[in-house]
Amino acid sequence: MSSTDAGALLGPADIRELAARLGVRPTKQRGQNFVIDANTVRRIVRTADVRPDDVVVEVGPGLGSLTLALLEAADRVTAVEIDDVLAAALPATVQERLPGRADRFALVHSDALHITELPGPAPTALVANLPYNVAVPVLLHMLDRFPTIERTLVMVQAEVADRLAAAPGSKVYGVPSVKAAWYAEVKRAGAIGRNVFWPAPNVDSGLVSLVRRSAPLRTTATKDQVFRVIDAAFAQRRKTLRAALAGWAGSAAAAEAALTAAGISPQARGEALTVEQFAAIAEQAALIAEQAAMTDEHPPTDTPGSNQP
């Protein structure tokens, strides 16, 4: 959908006036930095490839800068806001600035980390300026809880963006990189300067694009099983996997058995492995445990000395 009103988006003066009217002062506790540049939010919507039939979920809409731009482009927008004052004010801002689209907007006043359902049609896209302090947990939770989200674009701290999009072997490759790759193809999608925010943060920001896998990763291991291996591997990332996974597997020998069965060197380190390889480790560990349990249930009867009186 083309822009319904060139003046609908919020500029620096609009943001400050609205904040003053609401008595809002951005807090570091919630990582609040409001986007005050209309060109930046238009760029985010463009980069997110928001389409006229998309149902977009936005986390942390704040005063509504990005919300309005999303409403101009998408079929529907659902915003999830934890702040009491901001949540109460946003519907009125939408009604005032985009009255023709207000019926396409829904607000959920809640913590995104605890969201289990959303009103209206299932979301097809997630676009958000995520608070720095909860960016990764919120992103992973939303991708897990709402499998209909096909495309995601998030603006996060540049360092977090680098971690999310890192490839195996990179110094910043770690838990966020692997867990995000479980769900999607992840890549950096641009940089955002500090002067488009109020207040200006002390760090640069980056855009990260996540396109959900067309088919789930092929493995018999569950997501929770795979994620436990990932967490264990990076909890002691400088150690070899044989040592790092010892606690998870029950012993270093058990870790080595699972690694060897998965075709991975016990001397490798977590930062070298793909998400598929982590899944293979979890899968083999589960198979070994299953075989051991069956052996315990049905011990061999023809044991040495069994015929002795």
Foldseek 3Di string as FASTA:
>chain_A
DAAPDPPLAAAPVNVVVVCVVLVHDDDLVQLDWAFHDLVVLLVLCVLQVAAQAFEEEEEACFQPRNVNNSLRHYVAYEYEAQDPSSQVCNLVSCCVRPVVRSVRYHYHHDDLLPDQDDPDDQGQEYEYAHRAVCVLSSVLSCVVRRVNHFKYKYKYFPLVLCQCQDDQPDPSDALNVQSLVQFFNKDWRAWAAQVSIVVRDPTTITMMMTGGDPDGQDAPFDSVLLSVLRCQLRVCQVAFQLVSCQVVLVGSVSLCQLCVQLVHHSRHGSSRDHSNSSRSSSRSSVVVVVVVVVCVVPPDCPDPPNPPD
